[in-house]
Amino acid sequence: MADRSRLRARAARPALAAVLAAGLALAGCASACGGAERAAGTAASAPTAPGAPAAPGGPTPAGWCRGSTHVHSGNSGDSTTPPEEVAAWYERAGADFIVFTDHNFVTELPGWTGHLAVAPGVEITRNVRLWDPVRGAPGELVPMHVNALFVAAGHGGPLPPVVVPPDTARADVYAEELALATSLGGLPSLNHPTFHSAVDAALFARLAAGGLRFFEVGNASIDVHNEGEDGGPSTDALWDVALDGGATVWGLASDDAHHYADADAVEATGEPAFRPGRGWIMVHAATCAPPALRAAMDGGDFYATTGPLLTAVERGAGEMRLAAAAPSTFRFVGPGGATLSEVHGTEARYRYRRGDLWVRAVVEDAAGRRAWVQPVRPSF
């Protein structure tokens, strides 16, 4: 079982501020969003969870589900919080669902009675001293992790131990992990690809061409550098390379949480705490039940965020229209990572043009937090 503290070869950045989204009403999602809107409800008022601010209460966004797809509990070797307490934390914070992704352990919560939807998953964790690291000398310990999201029933408990020979190529390690995630009935997701420079552009393009559908474009953990490590590509740049190659890959944001009520105590010892509530996804689904969430995610009907909330997400045949709850910078991105258009305000439109092989969008608020809108391949 992996202990994340043993992988922090570089000094961690200062802790990011915990961001808990307000339950704001989200306005219409047109043709490309799909799915019937669920009835608007009212989120329960969220009492303060130890170690984090409270999420304000408010109306549940109609037709949307907020949730976290990278969540650790005491079934991971680097967290001590029982799964029931983890679920309770997210419920108090106003989330609609979580997917447990403990290291090499499929966590199920059959006795859970809260309103939060809880789905089983697992972080398939291989920390290998490779002969072909992207950077550094052969023998560097490289963390290569893949999530299996919405694992099928009947797989609960620890995964069988696996020994990876040190002469194994990175591509082969990831191929084994992705195949295992699929065999568990889960949606495979490549986690924190820039963490310790685990993935370069060539490998990411190869994995995407081989059918990878999900990856973390925004892992908000304090020791993950989404902008790239040691001059390597950013997660956004990796995404652009895959899209340029013709692959369809959806981007996730996660908090990769390990510490909850114990977060303050952990930091008091001088160790960094990996707090929840800093990255999540907003899924447009008929209900917040796992089958509906899985189907919507598989079709790209969601956006990823580390803070900004969008009040409109329209990815139609002729244009992309977005609106945000607060003034933001909207950047529409196309082939080669080029900026096609940039707009400041609370709403932006981009009309597709011939030559736009694909278009995605990044929305950044005044605090530098981002939301990522899934790519579209226009047809003319």
Protein backbone atom coordinates (compact mmCIF):
# COMPACT_ATOMS: atom_id res chain seq x y z
CA MET A 1 0.00 0.00 0.00
CA ALA A 2 1.46 3.32 -1.05
CA ASP A 3 2.42 6.01 1.43
CA ARG A 4 2.33 9.33 -0.41
CA SER A 5 4.71 10.95 2.07
CA ARG A 6 7.51 8.70 0.78
CA LEU A 7 7.06 10.09 -2.73
CA ARG A 8 7.54 13.76 -1.95
CA ALA A 9 10.98 14.04 -3.53
CA ARG A 10 10.49 17.77 -4.07
CA ALA A 11 9.42 20.37 -1.53
CA ALA A 12 5.65 20.77 -1.46
CA ARG A 13 4.22 24.14 -2.41
CA PRO A 14 2.36 26.15 0.25
CA ALA A 15 -1.06 24.66 0.94
CA LEU A 16 -3.78 25.83 -1.41
CA ALA A 17 -6.77 27.49 0.22
CA ALA A 18 -9.62 25.06 0.67
CA VAL A 19 -12.34 25.96 -1.83
CA LEU A 20 -15.87 24.83 -1.16
CA ALA A 21 -18.36 25.71 -3.86
CA ALA A 22 -21.57 27.49 -3.04
CA GLY A 23 -24.72 25.72 -4.14
CA LEU A 24 -25.60 28.27 -6.81
CA ALA A 25 -28.47 27.84 -9.22
CA LEU A 26 -27.07 27.03 -12.66
CA ALA A 27 -28.95 28.27 -15.68
CA GLY A 28 -29.89 26.42 -18.85
CA CYS A 29 -27.67 23.86 -20.50
CA ALA A 30 -28.66 23.55 -24.13
CA SER A 31 -28.41 20.96 -26.86
CA ALA A 32 -25.02 19.43 -26.21
CA CYS A 33 -25.51 18.95 -22.48
CA GLY A 34 -28.27 16.37 -22.79
CA GLY A 35 -30.29 14.71 -20.05
CA ALA A 36 -33.40 15.86 -18.24
CA GLU A 37 -32.96 18.38 -15.49
CA ARG A 38 -33.61 17.06 -12.04
CA ALA A 39 -35.92 18.98 -9.77
CA ALA A 40 -34.25 21.76 -7.83
CA GLY A 41 -33.86 21.03 -4.16
CA THR A 42 -32.24 22.74 -1.24
CA ALA A 43 -28.82 21.77 0.03
CA ALA A 44 -28.60 21.23 3.74
CA SER A 45 -26.78 23.90 5.66
CA ALA A 46 -23.18 22.76 6.04
CA PRO A 47 -21.75 22.95 9.54
CA THR A 48 -18.06 23.63 9.83
CA ALA A 49 -15.97 20.50 9.34
CA PRO A 50 -12.84 20.54 11.51
CA GLY A 51 -9.88 21.69 9.46
CA ALA A 52 -11.95 23.39 6.73
CA PRO A 53 -14.48 26.18 6.28
CA ALA A 54 -18.15 25.40 5.84
CA ALA A 55 -19.75 25.30 2.41
CA PRO A 56 -22.70 27.70 2.30
CA GLY A 57 -26.11 26.20 1.84
CA GLY A 58 -28.40 27.10 -1.03
CA PRO A 59 -30.45 25.64 -3.85
CA THR A 60 -29.10 22.52 -5.52
CA PRO A 61 -28.20 23.27 -9.15
CA ALA A 62 -31.00 21.93 -11.32
CA GLY A 63 -29.76 19.19 -13.58
CA TRP A 64 -26.23 19.20 -12.18
CA CYS A 65 -24.38 17.03 -9.66
CA ARG A 66 -21.25 18.14 -7.85
CA GLY A 67 -18.80 15.45 -6.83
CA SER A 68 -15.25 14.26 -6.24
CA THR A 69 -13.65 11.44 -8.18
CA HIS A 70 -10.38 11.06 -6.24
CA VAL A 71 -11.10 10.44 -2.57
CA HIS A 72 -9.01 8.56 0.01
CA SER A 73 -9.97 7.04 3.35
CA GLY A 74 -8.42 4.90 6.03
CA ASN A 75 -8.32 2.05 3.53
CA SER A 76 -5.36 3.87 1.99
CA GLY A 77 -2.00 3.59 3.73
CA ASP A 78 -1.61 7.38 3.81
CA SER A 79 -4.99 8.32 5.34
CA THR A 80 -6.52 7.44 8.70
CA THR A 81 -10.11 8.67 8.36
CA PRO A 82 -12.76 5.91 8.25
CA PRO A 83 -14.79 5.81 5.00
CA GLU A 84 -18.03 6.70 6.82
CA GLU A 85 -16.45 9.90 8.19
CA VAL A 86 -15.10 10.80 4.75
CA ALA A 87 -18.58 10.45 3.23
CA ALA A 88 -20.03 12.53 6.05
CA TRP A 89 -17.48 15.28 5.41
CA TYR A 90 -18.46 15.58 1.75
CA GLU A 91 -22.15 15.44 2.59
CA ARG A 92 -21.75 18.34 5.04
CA ALA A 93 -19.83 20.24 2.37
CA GLY A 94 -22.76 20.00 -0.04
CA ALA A 95 -21.43 17.43 -2.50
CA ASP A 96 -23.86 15.18 -4.36
CA PHE A 97 -21.51 12.23 -4.87
CA ILE A 98 -18.03 10.87 -4.32
CA VAL A 99 -16.05 7.97 -5.73
CA PHE A 100 -13.73 6.28 -3.23
CA THR A 101 -10.29 5.72 -4.75
CA ASP A 102 -8.13 4.17 -2.07
CA HIS A 103 -4.68 2.87 -2.96
CA ASN A 104 -5.03 -0.69 -4.28
CA PHE A 105 -8.23 -1.16 -2.25
CA VAL A 106 -11.79 -1.07 -3.56
CA THR A 107 -13.79 0.71 -0.85
CA GLU A 108 -17.51 0.02 -0.66
CA LEU A 109 -19.92 1.57 1.84
CA PRO A 110 -23.01 -0.66 1.84
CA GLY A 111 -24.32 0.66 5.17
CA TRP A 112 -24.26 4.32 4.17
CA THR A 113 -27.64 6.01 4.71
CA GLY A 114 -26.87 9.63 3.83
CA HIS A 115 -28.16 11.51 0.79
CA LEU A 116 -24.66 11.62 -0.73
CA ALA A 117 -24.24 9.07 -3.52
CA VAL A 118 -21.19 6.90 -2.78
CA ALA A 119 -19.57 4.84 -5.54
CA PRO A 120 -16.76 2.29 -5.28
CA GLY A 121 -13.49 2.87 -7.05
CA VAL A 122 -9.79 2.28 -6.59
CA GLU A 123 -6.51 4.06 -7.27
CA ILE A 124 -4.36 1.40 -8.92
CA THR A 125 -1.00 2.38 -7.49
CA ARG A 126 2.33 1.39 -8.98
CA ASN A 127 5.41 3.17 -7.59
CA VAL A 128 8.26 1.74 -9.64
CA ARG A 129 11.99 2.37 -9.93
CA LEU A 130 12.10 2.62 -13.70
CA TRP A 131 14.87 2.37 -16.23
CA ASP A 132 13.09 4.86 -18.52
CA PRO A 133 12.01 7.83 -16.36
CA VAL A 134 11.03 11.02 -18.22
CA ARG A 135 13.59 12.94 -16.17
CA GLY A 136 16.23 11.93 -13.68
CA ALA A 137 18.41 8.88 -13.58
CA PRO A 138 17.29 5.28 -14.14
CA GLY A 139 16.10 3.83 -10.86
CA GLU A 140 14.11 6.93 -9.90
CA LEU A 141 10.93 6.06 -8.02
CA VAL A 142 8.07 7.07 -10.34
CA PRO A 143 4.44 7.10 -9.11
CA MET A 144 2.17 5.86 -11.90
CA HIS A 145 -1.46 5.81 -10.74
CA VAL A 146 -4.72 5.08 -12.55
CA ASN A 147 -8.19 5.39 -11.04
CA ALA A 148 -10.94 2.91 -11.79
CA LEU A 149 -14.15 4.93 -11.27
CA PHE A 150 -17.52 3.31 -10.56
CA VAL A 151 -16.10 -0.18 -10.08
CA ALA A 152 -18.63 -2.97 -10.52
CA ALA A 153 -20.13 -4.64 -7.46
CA GLY A 154 -18.34 -7.64 -6.02
CA HIS A 155 -14.76 -6.34 -6.19
CA GLY A 156 -14.56 -4.87 -2.69
CA GLY A 157 -11.37 -5.23 -0.69
CA PRO A 158 -7.64 -5.20 -1.48
CA LEU A 159 -6.33 -5.82 -4.97
CA PRO A 160 -3.92 -8.73 -5.39
CA PRO A 161 -0.32 -7.56 -4.91
CA VAL A 162 1.70 -6.94 -8.06
CA VAL A 163 5.47 -6.79 -8.42
CA VAL A 164 6.60 -4.66 -11.35
CA PRO A 165 10.12 -5.51 -12.59
CA PRO A 166 12.45 -2.47 -12.67
CA ASP A 167 13.12 -2.92 -16.40
CA THR A 168 9.43 -2.37 -17.24
CA ALA A 169 8.68 0.57 -19.54
CA ARG A 170 6.29 3.26 -18.37
CA ALA A 171 3.92 2.52 -21.26
CA ASP A 172 3.65 -1.10 -20.15
CA VAL A 173 2.96 -0.16 -16.52
CA TYR A 174 0.13 2.15 -17.57
CA ALA A 175 -1.24 -0.41 -20.02
CA GLU A 176 -1.48 -2.98 -17.21
CA GLU A 177 -3.21 -0.47 -14.92
CA LEU A 178 -5.70 0.63 -17.57
CA ALA A 179 -6.53 -2.97 -18.42
CA LEU A 180 -7.06 -3.78 -14.74
CA ALA A 181 -9.35 -0.76 -14.30
CA THR A 182 -11.44 -1.96 -17.23
CA SER A 183 -11.56 -5.52 -15.92
CA LEU A 184 -12.99 -4.18 -12.64
CA GLY A 185 -15.83 -2.63 -14.60
CA GLY A 186 -14.57 0.89 -13.93
CA LEU A 187 -13.94 3.97 -16.03
CA PRO A 188 -10.13 4.27 -16.24
CA SER A 189 -8.66 7.69 -15.45
CA LEU A 190 -4.99 8.66 -15.62
CA ASN A 191 -4.11 10.47 -12.39
CA HIS A 192 -1.81 13.50 -11.92
CA PRO A 193 0.30 12.85 -15.06
CA THR A 194 2.82 15.60 -14.21
CA PHE A 195 3.46 14.27 -10.67
CA HIS A 196 7.18 13.43 -10.61
CA SER A 197 7.09 13.84 -14.42
CA ALA A 198 5.46 10.43 -14.80
CA VAL A 199 4.07 11.12 -18.29
CA ASP A 200 5.50 13.05 -21.22
CA ALA A 201 3.71 14.19 -24.37
CA ALA A 202 4.65 11.14 -26.43
CA LEU A 203 3.41 8.68 -23.81
CA PHE A 204 0.20 10.63 -23.20
CA ALA A 205 -0.54 10.70 -26.94
CA ARG A 206 0.10 6.95 -27.10
CA LEU A 207 -2.24 6.22 -24.19
CA ALA A 208 -4.94 8.48 -25.63
CA ALA A 209 -4.66 6.83 -29.04
CA GLY A 210 -5.07 3.51 -27.25
CA GLY A 211 -8.43 4.52 -25.80
CA LEU A 212 -7.72 6.48 -22.61
CA ARG A 213 -10.89 8.51 -21.98
CA PHE A 214 -10.25 10.39 -18.71
CA PHE A 215 -7.32 12.13 -17.06
CA GLU A 216 -6.76 14.70 -14.33
CA VAL A 217 -6.16 18.08 -15.91
CA GLY A 218 -6.54 19.71 -12.49
CA ASN A 219 -5.31 17.67 -9.53
CA ALA A 220 -5.43 20.21 -6.69
CA SER A 221 -3.20 18.29 -4.29
CA ILE A 222 -0.45 20.46 -2.84
CA ASP A 223 2.48 18.46 -4.26
CA VAL A 224 1.19 18.11 -7.83
CA HIS A 225 2.43 20.66 -10.36
CA ASN A 226 -0.21 20.80 -13.08
CA GLU A 227 1.87 23.44 -14.90
CA GLY A 228 4.63 20.88 -15.40
CA GLU A 229 7.71 19.86 -13.44
CA ASP A 230 11.30 20.73 -14.35
CA GLY A 231 10.31 22.26 -17.66
CA GLY A 232 8.02 19.43 -18.64
CA PRO A 233 4.61 19.88 -20.30
CA SER A 234 1.59 21.06 -18.35
CA THR A 235 -1.55 18.97 -18.09
CA ASP A 236 -3.24 21.37 -20.53
CA ALA A 237 -0.41 20.87 -23.02
CA LEU A 238 -0.71 17.09 -22.70
CA TRP A 239 -4.44 17.36 -23.39
CA ASP A 240 -3.83 19.45 -26.50
CA VAL A 241 -1.35 16.91 -27.88
CA ALA A 242 -3.88 14.10 -27.49
CA LEU A 243 -6.66 16.14 -29.10
CA ASP A 244 -4.36 17.08 -31.98
CA GLY A 245 -3.83 13.36 -32.53
CA GLY A 246 -7.57 12.79 -32.97
CA ALA A 247 -8.27 11.22 -29.55
CA THR A 248 -11.29 12.03 -27.41
CA VAL A 249 -10.18 12.57 -23.82
CA TRP A 250 -12.21 14.18 -21.02
CA GLY A 251 -10.52 16.24 -18.30
CA LEU A 252 -11.24 15.85 -14.57
CA ALA A 253 -10.42 18.02 -11.57
CA SER A 254 -9.95 16.48 -8.14
CA ASP A 255 -8.82 17.32 -4.64
CA ASP A 256 -7.02 13.97 -4.12
CA ALA A 257 -7.99 14.31 -0.46
CA HIS A 258 -6.36 12.31 2.34
CA HIS A 259 -7.02 14.40 5.48
CA TYR A 260 -10.33 15.62 6.84
CA ALA A 261 -11.06 16.33 10.53
CA ASP A 262 -7.39 15.54 11.20
CA ALA A 263 -6.03 18.09 8.70
CA ASP A 264 -5.16 20.76 11.28
CA ALA A 265 -3.48 18.20 13.53
CA VAL A 266 -1.41 16.88 10.63
CA GLU A 267 -0.19 20.37 9.77
CA ALA A 268 0.60 21.02 13.42
CA THR A 269 3.24 18.28 13.18
CA GLY A 270 4.94 20.10 10.33
CA GLU A 271 3.60 17.78 7.65
CA PRO A 272 1.39 19.05 4.81
CA ALA A 273 -2.28 18.09 4.86
CA PHE A 274 -4.03 16.97 1.70
CA ARG A 275 -7.39 18.63 2.30
CA PRO A 276 -10.70 18.03 0.53
CA GLY A 277 -12.83 20.53 -1.34
CA ARG A 278 -10.30 22.05 -3.76
CA GLY A 279 -11.17 20.31 -7.03
CA TRP A 280 -14.27 18.55 -8.31
CA ILE A 281 -16.49 18.02 -11.32
CA MET A 282 -19.99 19.24 -12.15
CA VAL A 283 -21.92 16.54 -14.01
CA HIS A 284 -25.06 17.23 -16.04
CA ALA A 285 -27.20 14.17 -15.32
CA ALA A 286 -30.83 13.21 -14.89
CA THR A 287 -30.10 12.04 -11.34
CA CYS A 288 -27.08 11.90 -9.07
CA ALA A 289 -27.21 8.10 -8.88
CA PRO A 290 -23.97 6.39 -9.98
CA PRO A 291 -25.36 4.85 -13.21
CA ALA A 292 -26.58 8.23 -14.46
CA LEU A 293 -23.35 9.93 -13.41
CA ARG A 294 -21.25 7.32 -15.17
CA ALA A 295 -23.25 7.61 -18.39
CA ALA A 296 -23.04 11.41 -18.40
CA MET A 297 -19.31 11.39 -17.73
CA ASP A 298 -18.67 8.83 -20.43
CA GLY A 299 -20.34 11.23 -22.88
CA GLY A 300 -18.40 14.27 -21.68
CA ASP A 301 -21.45 15.95 -20.12
CA PHE A 302 -19.53 17.59 -17.27
CA TYR A 303 -16.95 20.24 -16.56
CA ALA A 304 -14.03 20.24 -14.15
CA THR A 305 -13.27 23.02 -11.70
CA THR A 306 -11.06 24.14 -8.86
CA GLY A 307 -13.43 26.98 -8.01
CA PRO A 308 -15.36 28.75 -10.80
CA LEU A 309 -19.01 27.82 -11.16
CA LEU A 310 -20.56 28.08 -14.60
CA THR A 311 -24.15 29.19 -15.02
CA ALA A 312 -24.36 28.10 -18.66
CA VAL A 313 -22.50 25.45 -20.63
CA GLU A 314 -23.68 25.11 -24.20
CA ARG A 315 -21.55 23.09 -26.62
CA GLY A 316 -23.85 23.10 -29.64
CA ALA A 317 -23.26 22.39 -33.31
CA GLY A 318 -22.51 26.02 -34.19
CA GLU A 319 -20.97 27.61 -31.14
CA MET A 320 -19.86 27.24 -27.55
CA ARG A 321 -21.56 29.58 -25.07
CA LEU A 322 -20.44 29.84 -21.47
CA ALA A 323 -21.42 31.98 -18.50
CA ALA A 324 -19.93 32.18 -15.02
CA ALA A 325 -21.31 33.11 -11.63
CA ALA A 326 -18.61 35.77 -11.19
CA PRO A 327 -16.48 37.90 -13.57
CA SER A 328 -13.89 35.64 -15.19
CA THR A 329 -11.55 35.25 -18.12
CA PHE A 330 -12.87 32.86 -20.79
CA ARG A 331 -10.22 31.38 -23.08
CA PHE A 332 -11.22 29.23 -26.04
CA VAL A 333 -8.44 26.85 -27.02
CA GLY A 334 -7.86 25.06 -30.33
CA PRO A 335 -5.29 22.89 -32.16
CA GLY A 336 -1.76 23.24 -30.93
CA GLY A 337 -3.01 24.85 -27.74
CA ALA A 338 -3.61 28.12 -29.58
CA THR A 339 -5.89 30.71 -28.03
CA LEU A 340 -8.78 31.17 -30.46
CA SER A 341 -10.54 33.85 -28.46
CA GLU A 342 -10.32 35.43 -25.01
CA VAL A 343 -13.17 37.26 -23.31
CA HIS A 344 -13.41 38.98 -19.91
CA GLY A 345 -16.74 39.22 -18.13
CA THR A 346 -19.50 36.87 -17.05
CA GLU A 347 -20.42 35.42 -20.45
CA ALA A 348 -18.60 34.43 -23.63
CA ARG A 349 -19.40 32.88 -27.00
CA TYR A 350 -17.20 31.29 -29.60
CA ARG A 351 -18.63 30.47 -33.04
CA TYR A 352 -16.84 27.52 -34.60
CA ARG A 353 -14.89 28.21 -37.78
CA ARG A 354 -13.67 25.97 -40.56
CA GLY A 355 -10.28 24.69 -39.53
CA ASP A 356 -11.31 24.29 -35.89
CA LEU A 357 -10.55 20.59 -35.58
CA TRP A 358 -11.44 20.83 -31.90
CA VAL A 359 -12.32 23.52 -29.34
CA ARG A 360 -12.23 23.47 -25.56
CA ALA A 361 -12.41 26.25 -22.99
CA VAL A 362 -10.69 27.33 -19.78
CA VAL A 363 -12.42 29.75 -17.40
CA GLU A 364 -10.28 31.51 -14.78
CA ASP A 365 -11.62 33.60 -11.92
CA ALA A 366 -10.00 36.56 -10.16
CA ALA A 367 -8.27 34.24 -7.68
CA GLY A 368 -6.61 32.21 -10.45
CA ARG A 369 -8.84 29.17 -9.99
CA ARG A 370 -9.92 27.40 -13.16
CA ALA A 371 -12.74 25.50 -14.77
CA TRP A 372 -12.19 23.31 -17.83
CA VAL A 373 -14.96 22.75 -20.40
CA GLN A 374 -14.74 19.52 -22.38
CA PRO A 375 -13.62 19.63 -26.03
CA VAL A 376 -15.90 19.67 -29.04
CA ARG A 377 -15.07 18.53 -32.57
CA PRO A 378 -17.22 20.76 -34.81
CA SER A 379 -18.82 19.31 -37.91
CA PHE A 380 -19.46 21.46 -40.96
